[in-house]
Amino acid sequence: MRTAYQYKLKPNKEQIATIELWLNLLLRQYNYRLGERFSWWEENRCLVNACPLIMPIPQLRDNPDYYSQKKDLVNTKDKFPEYKLIHSQVLQDCIKRVKLAFDRWFKADKNGQRLGKPRFKGKGRYRSFTYPQIKQDCLEGNKINLPKIGLVKLIQHRRLPSGFKIKTATITRKADGYYVTLSLEDKSVPRFNYDVKPTTENTLGIDMGLKDFLVTSDGESVPIPQYYRSSQKRLKTLQKGLSRKKKGSNRWLKSVKAVGKQHKKVADKRKDFHFKTANELLSKADIIAHVDAERRAGGKLKY
């Protein structure tokens, strides 16, 4: 079984500067490696017998894949010594993200539809980095030991469950600060319980709607909380103040953070509402079935 726990970090000024430096360098590396793949694909995407009459001769080079780009990180560190400040596995994870983004472009999803072309990330759009491996004893009291960053304070609002091992650690920058997400795994806990068979007693049906958030098969309805509507007045005030600031100034940056924090408050309220609603439904029944939107006319349920 895999699960994740997220805690808010309280880094000092030096640690914040290090995190921001890493994010900026990883942003440059991500765009460069993605550009390498685009360049090779543009030059070699057509067959020899299907090329147009007028076409530039491509440079003879191998297809840049995950392993070749990861191997080329040695040359990157020689040309740009600042990349030596980043943990080696964090830098390799950036190459992995490029691979996953490029692979999703060519592979179809479960519905047979291909995803869009990956885009270059603009300034401030690279918001997280991951330690693929981290020590099990990285948590020391109210601090976490992040390699090459040091001991960073965190708000541990709940303890890690016993028996679970820490697999990865992801540092994320959000509107109201920095967070660490610990991915946990316990192979002794099964992911699903396949022994439960649906019956009329242990099954609860739900139908998502527009007037109500959902309606259960027992006739109970859950109203839509309208968190965004209730915060629109505050958002309007903040966005009006943002529009009057000079773009790029210190006051403009403060206004951008204020608007971002308000949007995050709405997102957090929605997330909390979804978790509490799901917990309440699962406390009433072992199996939840919902109406498939594509087959709503037939009234078929989907488990």
C-alpha atoms as a PDB file:
ATOM      1  CA  MET A   1       0.000   0.000   0.000  1.00  0.00           C
ATOM      2  CA  ARG A   2       1.217   3.480  -0.874  1.00  0.00           C
ATOM      3  CA  THR A   3       0.124   6.679   0.845  1.00  0.00           C
ATOM      4  CA  ALA A   4       1.471  10.196   1.312  1.00  0.00           C
ATOM      5  CA  TYR A   5       1.757  12.610   4.225  1.00  0.00           C
ATOM      6  CA  GLN A   6       2.294  16.335   3.678  1.00  0.00           C
ATOM      7  CA  TYR A   7       3.787  18.745   6.214  1.00  0.00           C
ATOM      8  CA  LYS A   8       4.427  22.469   6.078  1.00  0.00           C
ATOM      9  CA  LEU A   9       8.061  23.539   6.250  1.00  0.00           C
ATOM     10  CA  LYS A  10       9.489  26.499   8.159  1.00  0.00           C
ATOM     11  CA  PRO A  11      12.872  27.099   6.452  1.00  0.00           C
ATOM     12  CA  ASN A  12      15.167  29.962   7.400  1.00  0.00           C
ATOM     13  CA  LYS A  13      16.377  32.612   4.946  1.00  0.00           C
ATOM     14  CA  GLU A  14      19.436  30.624   3.830  1.00  0.00           C
ATOM     15  CA  GLN A  15      17.371  27.492   3.228  1.00  0.00           C
ATOM     16  CA  ILE A  16      14.766  29.468   1.278  1.00  0.00           C
ATOM     17  CA  ALA A  17      17.539  30.906  -0.907  1.00  0.00           C
ATOM     18  CA  THR A  18      18.882  27.378  -1.525  1.00  0.00           C
ATOM     19  CA  ILE A  19      15.447  26.011  -2.434  1.00  0.00           C
ATOM     20  CA  GLU A  20      14.765  28.903  -4.808  1.00  0.00           C
ATOM     21  CA  LEU A  21      18.199  28.485  -6.420  1.00  0.00           C
ATOM     22  CA  TRP A  22      17.535  24.784  -6.986  1.00  0.00           C
ATOM     23  CA  LEU A  23      14.116  25.472  -8.514  1.00  0.00           C
ATOM     24  CA  ASN A  24      15.574  28.054 -10.919  1.00  0.00           C
ATOM     25  CA  LEU A  25      18.427  25.755 -12.005  1.00  0.00           C
ATOM     26  CA  LEU A  26      16.083  22.781 -12.403  1.00  0.00           C
ATOM     27  CA  LEU A  27      13.759  24.950 -14.492  1.00  0.00           C
ATOM     28  CA  ARG A  28      16.611  25.752 -16.885  1.00  0.00           C
ATOM     29  CA  GLN A  29      17.653  22.108 -17.022  1.00  0.00           C
ATOM     30  CA  TYR A  30      14.090  20.913 -17.695  1.00  0.00           C
ATOM     31  CA  ASN A  31      13.599  23.334 -20.606  1.00  0.00           C
ATOM     32  CA  TYR A  32      17.032  22.515 -22.069  1.00  0.00           C
ATOM     33  CA  ARG A  33      16.476  18.743 -22.003  1.00  0.00           C
ATOM     34  CA  LEU A  34      12.981  19.115 -23.402  1.00  0.00           C
ATOM     35  CA  GLY A  35      14.389  21.299 -26.180  1.00  0.00           C
ATOM     36  CA  GLU A  36      16.940  18.586 -26.995  1.00  0.00           C
ATOM     37  CA  ARG A  37      14.181  16.064 -27.511  1.00  0.00           C
ATOM     38  CA  PHE A  38      12.094  18.473 -29.617  1.00  0.00           C
ATOM     39  CA  SER A  39      15.111  19.283 -31.813  1.00  0.00           C
ATOM     40  CA  TRP A  40      15.839  15.616 -32.546  1.00  0.00           C
ATOM     41  CA  TRP A  41      12.158  14.850 -33.140  1.00  0.00           C
ATOM     42  CA  GLU A  42      11.719  17.726 -35.612  1.00  0.00           C
ATOM     43  CA  GLU A  43      14.749  16.555 -37.609  1.00  0.00           C
ATOM     44  CA  ASN A  44      13.960  12.829 -37.610  1.00  0.00           C
ATOM     45  CA  ARG A  45      10.184  12.491 -37.392  1.00  0.00           C
ATOM     46  CA  CYS A  46       9.667  11.510 -41.054  1.00  0.00           C
ATOM     47  CA  LEU A  47      10.937   8.419 -42.880  1.00  0.00           C
ATOM     48  CA  VAL A  48      13.632   8.599 -45.556  1.00  0.00           C
ATOM     49  CA  ASN A  49      11.178   7.713 -48.339  1.00  0.00           C
ATOM     50  CA  ALA A  50       8.588  10.202 -47.087  1.00  0.00           C
ATOM     51  CA  CYS A  51      10.667  13.377 -46.653  1.00  0.00           C
ATOM     52  CA  PRO A  52       9.793  16.548 -48.628  1.00  0.00           C
ATOM     53  CA  LEU A  53      11.944  17.521 -51.608  1.00  0.00           C
ATOM     54  CA  ILE A  54      13.464  20.473 -49.781  1.00  0.00           C
ATOM     55  CA  MET A  55      14.597  19.626 -46.262  1.00  0.00           C
ATOM     56  CA  PRO A  56      17.695  20.522 -44.249  1.00  0.00           C
ATOM     57  CA  ILE A  57      20.045  17.626 -43.560  1.00  0.00           C
ATOM     58  CA  PRO A  58      19.811  16.798 -39.843  1.00  0.00           C
ATOM     59  CA  GLN A  59      22.853  16.512 -37.671  1.00  0.00           C
ATOM     60  CA  LEU A  60      23.796  12.862 -37.163  1.00  0.00           C
ATOM     61  CA  ARG A  61      23.268  12.138 -33.471  1.00  0.00           C
ATOM     62  CA  ASP A  62      21.541   9.589 -31.321  1.00  0.00           C
ATOM     63  CA  ASN A  63      18.047   9.990 -30.005  1.00  0.00           C
ATOM     64  CA  PRO A  64      18.322  11.757 -26.613  1.00  0.00           C
ATOM     65  CA  ASP A  65      16.669   9.388 -24.152  1.00  0.00           C
ATOM     66  CA  TYR A  66      16.557   9.222 -20.366  1.00  0.00           C
ATOM     67  CA  TYR A  67      19.878   7.415 -19.979  1.00  0.00           C
ATOM     68  CA  SER A  68      21.865   9.548 -22.432  1.00  0.00           C
ATOM     69  CA  GLN A  69      20.567  12.784 -20.917  1.00  0.00           C
ATOM     70  CA  LYS A  70      21.266  11.549 -17.403  1.00  0.00           C
ATOM     71  CA  LYS A  71      24.804  10.601 -18.471  1.00  0.00           C
ATOM     72  CA  ASP A  72      25.273  14.081 -19.962  1.00  0.00           C
ATOM     73  CA  LEU A  73      24.724  15.687 -16.553  1.00  0.00           C
ATOM     74  CA  VAL A  74      28.472  15.262 -15.940  1.00  0.00           C
ATOM     75  CA  ASN A  75      29.196  17.669 -18.802  1.00  0.00           C
ATOM     76  CA  THR A  76      26.539  20.052 -17.484  1.00  0.00           C
ATOM     77  CA  LYS A  77      28.246  20.234 -14.095  1.00  0.00           C
ATOM     78  CA  ASP A  78      31.623  20.891 -15.778  1.00  0.00           C
ATOM     79  CA  LYS A  79      30.247  23.787 -17.857  1.00  0.00           C
ATOM     80  CA  PHE A  80      27.987  25.168 -15.138  1.00  0.00           C
ATOM     81  CA  PRO A  81      29.517  24.535 -11.672  1.00  0.00           C
ATOM     82  CA  GLU A  82      26.408  25.846  -9.920  1.00  0.00           C
ATOM     83  CA  TYR A  83      24.666  22.551 -10.725  1.00  0.00           C
ATOM     84  CA  LYS A  84      27.086  20.808  -8.347  1.00  0.00           C
ATOM     85  CA  LEU A  85      25.143  22.454  -5.508  1.00  0.00           C
ATOM     86  CA  ILE A  86      22.070  20.350  -6.346  1.00  0.00           C
ATOM     87  CA  HIS A  87      21.775  16.814  -4.997  1.00  0.00           C
ATOM     88  CA  SER A  88      22.625  14.374  -7.813  1.00  0.00           C
ATOM     89  CA  GLN A  89      19.405  12.331  -7.459  1.00  0.00           C
ATOM     90  CA  VAL A  90      17.284  15.490  -7.494  1.00  0.00           C
ATOM     91  CA  LEU A  91      18.953  16.489 -10.758  1.00  0.00           C
ATOM     92  CA  GLN A  92      18.354  13.027 -12.211  1.00  0.00           C
ATOM     93  CA  ASP A  93      14.690  13.232 -11.227  1.00  0.00           C
ATOM     94  CA  CYS A  94      14.409  16.368 -13.389  1.00  0.00           C
ATOM     95  CA  ILE A  95      15.522  14.280 -16.388  1.00  0.00           C
ATOM     96  CA  LYS A  96      12.918  11.675 -15.465  1.00  0.00           C
ATOM     97  CA  ARG A  97      10.185  14.326 -15.512  1.00  0.00           C
ATOM     98  CA  VAL A  98      11.218  15.276 -19.051  1.00  0.00           C
ATOM     99  CA  LYS A  99      11.010  11.615 -20.080  1.00  0.00           C
ATOM    100  CA  LEU A 100       7.540  11.177 -18.584  1.00  0.00           C
ATOM    101  CA  ALA A 101       6.253  14.381 -20.177  1.00  0.00           C
ATOM    102  CA  PHE A 102       7.599  13.382 -23.597  1.00  0.00           C
ATOM    103  CA  ASP A 103       6.309   9.796 -23.329  1.00  0.00           C
ATOM    104  CA  ARG A 104       2.797  10.957 -22.422  1.00  0.00           C
ATOM    105  CA  TRP A 105       2.724  12.941 -25.670  1.00  0.00           C
ATOM    106  CA  PHE A 106       2.970   9.778 -27.799  1.00  0.00           C
ATOM    107  CA  LYS A 107       1.060   7.309 -25.642  1.00  0.00           C
ATOM    108  CA  ALA A 108      -2.749   7.315 -25.580  1.00  0.00           C
ATOM    109  CA  ASP A 109      -4.692   7.288 -22.339  1.00  0.00           C
ATOM    110  CA  LYS A 110      -7.276   4.666 -21.331  1.00  0.00           C
ATOM    111  CA  ASN A 111      -9.864   6.327 -23.622  1.00  0.00           C
ATOM    112  CA  GLY A 112      -7.529   6.166 -26.630  1.00  0.00           C
ATOM    113  CA  GLN A 113      -6.877   9.926 -26.709  1.00  0.00           C
ATOM    114  CA  ARG A 114      -3.382  11.359 -26.950  1.00  0.00           C
ATOM    115  CA  LEU A 115      -2.335  14.068 -24.539  1.00  0.00           C
ATOM    116  CA  GLY A 116      -1.078  17.479 -25.597  1.00  0.00           C
ATOM    117  CA  LYS A 117       2.457  18.439 -26.524  1.00  0.00           C
ATOM    118  CA  PRO A 118       4.595  19.227 -23.466  1.00  0.00           C
ATOM    119  CA  ARG A 119       5.360  22.904 -23.018  1.00  0.00           C
ATOM    120  CA  PHE A 120       8.394  24.773 -21.815  1.00  0.00           C
ATOM    121  CA  LYS A 121       7.987  26.063 -18.287  1.00  0.00           C
ATOM    122  CA  GLY A 122       8.036  29.803 -17.713  1.00  0.00           C
ATOM    123  CA  LYS A 123       9.616  31.635 -14.815  1.00  0.00           C
ATOM    124  CA  GLY A 124       8.219  30.391 -11.529  1.00  0.00           C
ATOM    125  CA  ARG A 125       6.385  27.458 -13.115  1.00  0.00           C
ATOM    126  CA  TYR A 126       8.789  24.800 -11.810  1.00  0.00           C
ATOM    127  CA  ARG A 127       7.523  24.504  -8.245  1.00  0.00           C
ATOM    128  CA  SER A 128       8.815  21.217  -6.846  1.00  0.00           C
ATOM    129  CA  PHE A 129      11.735  18.805  -6.758  1.00  0.00           C
ATOM    130  CA  THR A 130      11.960  15.237  -5.471  1.00  0.00           C
ATOM    131  CA  TYR A 131      14.454  13.150  -3.546  1.00  0.00           C
ATOM    132  CA  PRO A 132      13.913   9.662  -5.069  1.00  0.00           C
ATOM    133  CA  GLN A 133      15.664   8.118  -2.067  1.00  0.00           C
ATOM    134  CA  ILE A 134      15.841   9.466   1.450  1.00  0.00           C
ATOM    135  CA  LYS A 135      16.926   8.034   4.780  1.00  0.00           C
ATOM    136  CA  GLN A 136      14.322   6.458   7.026  1.00  0.00           C
ATOM    137  CA  ASP A 137      15.525   8.477  10.004  1.00  0.00           C
ATOM    138  CA  CYS A 138      15.302  11.816   8.175  1.00  0.00           C
ATOM    139  CA  LEU A 139      12.715  13.066  10.685  1.00  0.00           C
ATOM    140  CA  GLU A 140      14.437  14.339  13.815  1.00  0.00           C
ATOM    141  CA  GLY A 141      11.834  15.695  16.207  1.00  0.00           C
ATOM    142  CA  ASN A 142      10.188  18.709  14.599  1.00  0.00           C
ATOM    143  CA  LYS A 143      12.811  18.867  11.821  1.00  0.00           C
ATOM    144  CA  ILE A 144      13.578  16.961   8.633  1.00  0.00           C
ATOM    145  CA  ASN A 145      17.078  16.384   7.315  1.00  0.00           C
ATOM    146  CA  LEU A 146      17.155  17.215   3.595  1.00  0.00           C
ATOM    147  CA  PRO A 147      20.478  16.360   1.869  1.00  0.00           C
ATOM    148  CA  LYS A 148      22.483  19.466   0.850  1.00  0.00           C
ATOM    149  CA  ILE A 149      19.848  21.726   2.449  1.00  0.00           C
ATOM    150  CA  GLY A 150      20.144  20.742   6.098  1.00  0.00           C
ATOM    151  CA  LEU A 151      17.733  20.411   8.997  1.00  0.00           C
ATOM    152  CA  VAL A 152      14.503  22.212   8.146  1.00  0.00           C
ATOM    153  CA  LYS A 153      11.760  22.860  10.681  1.00  0.00           C
ATOM    154  CA  LEU A 154       8.339  21.427   9.903  1.00  0.00           C
ATOM    155  CA  ILE A 155       4.884  21.356  11.453  1.00  0.00           C
ATOM    156  CA  GLN A 156       4.272  17.658  12.094  1.00  0.00           C
ATOM    157  CA  HIS A 157       0.542  17.773  12.754  1.00  0.00           C
ATOM    158  CA  ARG A 158       0.296  13.963  12.726  1.00  0.00           C
ATOM    159  CA  ARG A 159       2.748  11.121  13.228  1.00  0.00           C
ATOM    160  CA  LEU A 160       3.751   8.745  10.464  1.00  0.00           C
ATOM    161  CA  PRO A 161       1.872   5.416  10.642  1.00  0.00           C
ATOM    162  CA  SER A 162       3.863   2.535  12.090  1.00  0.00           C
ATOM    163  CA  GLY A 163       5.142  -0.072   9.643  1.00  0.00           C
ATOM    164  CA  PHE A 164       5.395   2.309   6.693  1.00  0.00           C
ATOM    165  CA  LYS A 165       8.740   3.135   5.066  1.00  0.00           C
ATOM    166  CA  ILE A 166       9.601   6.497   3.529  1.00  0.00           C
ATOM    167  CA  LYS A 167      10.192   6.081  -0.211  1.00  0.00           C
ATOM    168  CA  THR A 168      10.495   9.627  -1.569  1.00  0.00           C
ATOM    169  CA  ALA A 169      10.370  13.241  -0.365  1.00  0.00           C
ATOM    170  CA  THR A 170       9.055  16.076  -2.536  1.00  0.00           C
ATOM    171  CA  ILE A 171       9.573  19.759  -1.702  1.00  0.00           C
ATOM    172  CA  THR A 172       6.817  21.977  -3.115  1.00  0.00           C
ATOM    173  CA  ARG A 173       6.481  25.741  -3.221  1.00  0.00           C
ATOM    174  CA  LYS A 174       2.915  26.974  -2.749  1.00  0.00           C
ATOM    175  CA  ALA A 175       1.304  30.369  -2.313  1.00  0.00           C
ATOM    176  CA  ASP A 176       1.629  30.317   1.458  1.00  0.00           C
ATOM    177  CA  GLY A 177       5.061  28.709   1.804  1.00  0.00           C
ATOM    178  CA  TYR A 178       6.913  25.440   1.332  1.00  0.00           C
ATOM    179  CA  TYR A 179       5.694  21.896   1.948  1.00  0.00           C
ATOM    180  CA  VAL A 180       7.270  18.437   2.053  1.00  0.00           C
ATOM    181  CA  THR A 181       5.334  15.400   0.848  1.00  0.00           C
ATOM    182  CA  LEU A 182       6.567  12.033   2.104  1.00  0.00           C
ATOM    183  CA  SER A 183       5.581   9.019   0.019  1.00  0.00           C
ATOM    184  CA  LEU A 184       5.123   5.989   2.294  1.00  0.00           C
ATOM    185  CA  GLU A 185       4.845   2.279   1.527  1.00  0.00           C
ATOM    186  CA  ASP A 186       3.909  -0.824   3.513  1.00  0.00           C
ATOM    187  CA  LYS A 187       3.918  -3.995   1.410  1.00  0.00           C
ATOM    188  CA  SER A 188       2.162  -5.997   4.136  1.00  0.00           C
ATOM    189  CA  VAL A 189      -1.033  -3.912   3.761  1.00  0.00           C
ATOM    190  CA  PRO A 190      -3.115  -4.911   0.683  1.00  0.00           C
ATOM    191  CA  ARG A 191      -4.311  -2.140  -1.607  1.00  0.00           C
ATOM    192  CA  PHE A 192      -7.850  -3.465  -2.046  1.00  0.00           C
ATOM    193  CA  ASN A 193     -10.100  -5.931  -0.278  1.00  0.00           C
ATOM    194  CA  TYR A 194     -11.418  -8.191  -3.017  1.00  0.00           C
ATOM    195  CA  ASP A 195     -13.464 -10.369  -0.644  1.00  0.00           C
ATOM    196  CA  VAL A 196     -16.330  -7.862  -0.356  1.00  0.00           C
ATOM    197  CA  LYS A 197     -19.206  -8.654  -2.726  1.00  0.00           C
ATOM    198  CA  PRO A 198     -21.802  -5.979  -3.534  1.00  0.00           C
ATOM    199  CA  THR A 199     -25.232  -6.531  -2.021  1.00  0.00           C
ATOM    200  CA  THR A 200     -28.217  -4.309  -1.338  1.00  0.00           C
ATOM    201  CA  GLU A 201     -27.184  -4.006   2.312  1.00  0.00           C
ATOM    202  CA  ASN A 202     -23.502  -3.033   1.917  1.00  0.00           C
ATOM    203  CA  THR A 203     -23.799  -0.901  -1.254  1.00  0.00           C
ATOM    204  CA  LEU A 204     -24.654   2.793  -1.471  1.00  0.00           C
ATOM    205  CA  GLY A 205     -25.343   4.504  -4.794  1.00  0.00           C
ATOM    206  CA  ILE A 206     -24.582   8.165  -5.448  1.00  0.00           C
ATOM    207  CA  ASP A 207     -25.399  10.523  -8.305  1.00  0.00           C
ATOM    208  CA  MET A 208     -23.363  13.697  -8.797  1.00  0.00           C
ATOM    209  CA  GLY A 209     -25.402  16.690  -9.881  1.00  0.00           C
ATOM    210  CA  LEU A 210     -25.447  20.438 -10.485  1.00  0.00           C
ATOM    211  CA  LYS A 211     -28.191  21.454  -8.058  1.00  0.00           C
ATOM    212  CA  ASP A 212     -26.765  19.286  -5.266  1.00  0.00           C
ATOM    213  CA  PHE A 213     -23.227  18.039  -4.823  1.00  0.00           C
ATOM    214  CA  LEU A 214     -24.530  14.464  -4.702  1.00  0.00           C
ATOM    215  CA  VAL A 215     -27.676  12.485  -3.957  1.00  0.00           C
ATOM    216  CA  THR A 216     -27.494   9.020  -2.385  1.00  0.00           C
ATOM    217  CA  SER A 217     -29.708   6.041  -3.108  1.00  0.00           C
ATOM    218  CA  ASP A 218     -31.210   6.500   0.372  1.00  0.00           C
ATOM    219  CA  GLY A 219     -32.611   9.871  -0.669  1.00  0.00           C
ATOM    220  CA  GLU A 220     -30.079  11.989   1.215  1.00  0.00           C
ATOM    221  CA  SER A 221     -28.610  15.004  -0.556  1.00  0.00           C
ATOM    222  CA  VAL A 222     -25.363  16.882   0.073  1.00  0.00           C
ATOM    223  CA  PRO A 223     -25.576  20.592  -0.867  1.00  0.00           C
ATOM    224  CA  ILE A 224     -22.827  22.374  -2.786  1.00  0.00           C
ATOM    225  CA  PRO A 225     -20.796  24.435  -0.255  1.00  0.00           C
ATOM    226  CA  GLN A 226     -20.027  27.274  -2.746  1.00  0.00           C
ATOM    227  CA  TYR A 227     -16.657  28.161  -1.238  1.00  0.00           C
ATOM    228  CA  TYR A 228     -15.609  30.178  -4.285  1.00  0.00           C
ATOM    229  CA  ARG A 229     -18.835  32.232  -4.324  1.00  0.00           C
ATOM    230  CA  SER A 230     -18.449  33.109  -0.660  1.00  0.00           C
ATOM    231  CA  SER A 231     -14.884  34.353  -1.219  1.00  0.00           C
ATOM    232  CA  GLN A 232     -15.578  36.249  -4.449  1.00  0.00           C
ATOM    233  CA  LYS A 233     -15.940  39.591  -2.678  1.00  0.00           C
ATOM    234  CA  ARG A 234     -12.512  39.221  -1.040  1.00  0.00           C
ATOM    235  CA  LEU A 235     -10.951  38.047  -4.317  1.00  0.00           C
ATOM    236  CA  LYS A 236     -12.468  40.998  -6.174  1.00  0.00           C
ATOM    237  CA  THR A 237     -10.869  43.424  -3.716  1.00  0.00           C
ATOM    238  CA  LEU A 238      -7.456  41.740  -3.943  1.00  0.00           C
ATOM    239  CA  GLN A 239      -7.510  41.522  -7.736  1.00  0.00           C
ATOM    240  CA  LYS A 240      -8.568  45.154  -8.066  1.00  0.00           C
ATOM    241  CA  GLY A 241      -5.584  46.151  -5.912  1.00  0.00           C
ATOM    242  CA  LEU A 242      -3.321  43.942  -8.034  1.00  0.00           C
ATOM    243  CA  SER A 243      -4.445  45.603 -11.268  1.00  0.00           C
ATOM    244  CA  ARG A 244      -3.434  49.014  -9.900  1.00  0.00           C
ATOM    245  CA  LYS A 245       0.120  47.987  -9.062  1.00  0.00           C
ATOM    246  CA  LYS A 246       3.049  48.317 -11.440  1.00  0.00           C
ATOM    247  CA  LYS A 247       3.922  44.899 -12.802  1.00  0.00           C
ATOM    248  CA  GLY A 248       7.211  43.623 -11.385  1.00  0.00           C
ATOM    249  CA  SER A 249       7.301  46.000  -8.409  1.00  0.00           C
ATOM    250  CA  ASN A 250       7.512  44.866  -4.783  1.00  0.00           C
ATOM    251  CA  ARG A 251       3.910  45.901  -4.112  1.00  0.00           C
ATOM    252  CA  TRP A 252       2.790  43.952  -7.191  1.00  0.00           C
ATOM    253  CA  LEU A 253       4.585  40.840  -5.918  1.00  0.00           C
ATOM    254  CA  LYS A 254       2.895  41.191  -2.514  1.00  0.00           C
ATOM    255  CA  SER A 255      -0.495  41.496  -4.209  1.00  0.00           C
ATOM    256  CA  VAL A 256       0.205  38.411  -6.323  1.00  0.00           C
ATOM    257  CA  LYS A 257       0.991  36.433  -3.161  1.00  0.00           C
ATOM    258  CA  ALA A 258      -2.177  37.694  -1.475  1.00  0.00           C
ATOM    259  CA  VAL A 259      -4.348  36.602  -4.418  1.00  0.00           C
ATOM    260  CA  GLY A 260      -2.589  33.232  -4.505  1.00  0.00           C
ATOM    261  CA  LYS A 261      -3.154  32.684  -0.780  1.00  0.00           C
ATOM    262  CA  GLN A 262      -6.856  33.452  -1.142  1.00  0.00           C
ATOM    263  CA  HIS A 263      -7.206  30.954  -3.995  1.00  0.00           C
ATOM    264  CA  LYS A 264      -5.359  28.367  -1.915  1.00  0.00           C
ATOM    265  CA  LYS A 265      -7.779  28.883   0.967  1.00  0.00           C
ATOM    266  CA  VAL A 266     -10.659  28.062  -1.376  1.00  0.00           C
ATOM    267  CA  ALA A 267      -8.836  24.992  -2.690  1.00  0.00           C
ATOM    268  CA  ASP A 268      -8.066  23.782   0.849  1.00  0.00           C
ATOM    269  CA  LYS A 269     -11.716  24.158   1.889  1.00  0.00           C
ATOM    270  CA  ARG A 270     -12.840  22.148  -1.147  1.00  0.00           C
ATOM    271  CA  LYS A 271     -10.278  19.442  -0.470  1.00  0.00           C
ATOM    272  CA  ASP A 272     -11.321  19.193   3.179  1.00  0.00           C
ATOM    273  CA  PHE A 273     -14.995  19.001   2.154  1.00  0.00           C
ATOM    274  CA  HIS A 274     -14.286  16.206  -0.357  1.00  0.00           C
ATOM    275  CA  PHE A 275     -12.342  14.128   2.169  1.00  0.00           C
ATOM    276  CA  LYS A 276     -14.971  14.522   4.890  1.00  0.00           C
ATOM    277  CA  THR A 277     -17.799  13.704   2.478  1.00  0.00           C
ATOM    278  CA  ALA A 278     -15.981  10.597   1.229  1.00  0.00           C
ATOM    279  CA  ASN A 279     -15.284   9.492   4.814  1.00  0.00           C
ATOM    280  CA  GLU A 280     -18.947   9.902   5.744  1.00  0.00           C
ATOM    281  CA  LEU A 281     -20.064   7.844   2.736  1.00  0.00           C
ATOM    282  CA  LEU A 282     -17.605   5.043   3.480  1.00  0.00           C
ATOM    283  CA  SER A 283     -18.781   4.909   7.084  1.00  0.00           C
ATOM    284  CA  LYS A 284     -22.282   4.084   5.829  1.00  0.00           C
ATOM    285  CA  ALA A 285     -21.433   1.390   3.264  1.00  0.00           C
ATOM    286  CA  ASP A 286     -18.602  -0.897   2.180  1.00  0.00           C
ATOM    287  CA  ILE A 287     -19.110  -0.319  -1.566  1.00  0.00           C
ATOM    288  CA  ILE A 288     -19.933   2.993  -3.270  1.00  0.00           C
ATOM    289  CA  ALA A 289     -21.454   2.933  -6.766  1.00  0.00           C
ATOM    290  CA  HIS A 290     -21.924   6.047  -8.906  1.00  0.00           C
ATOM    291  CA  VAL A 291     -23.918   6.712 -12.048  1.00  0.00           C
ATOM    292  CA  ASP A 292     -21.775   6.767 -15.181  1.00  0.00           C
ATOM    293  CA  ALA A 293     -22.283  10.143 -16.858  1.00  0.00           C
ATOM    294  CA  GLU A 294     -21.967   8.621 -20.353  1.00  0.00           C
ATOM    295  CA  ARG A 295     -24.681   6.079 -19.568  1.00  0.00           C
ATOM    296  CA  ARG A 296     -26.895   8.258 -17.424  1.00  0.00           C
ATOM    297  CA  ALA A 297     -29.905   7.612 -19.662  1.00  0.00           C
ATOM    298  CA  GLY A 298     -29.681   3.898 -18.946  1.00  0.00           C
ATOM    299  CA  GLY A 299     -29.216   4.422 -15.217  1.00  0.00           C
ATOM    300  CA  LYS A 300     -26.228   2.065 -15.071  1.00  0.00           C
ATOM    301  CA  LEU A 301     -23.995   2.084 -12.031  1.00  0.00           C
ATOM    302  CA  LYS A 302     -20.224   2.029 -12.042  1.00  0.00           C
ATOM    303  CA  TYR A 303     -18.270   0.677  -9.062  1.00  0.00           C
END
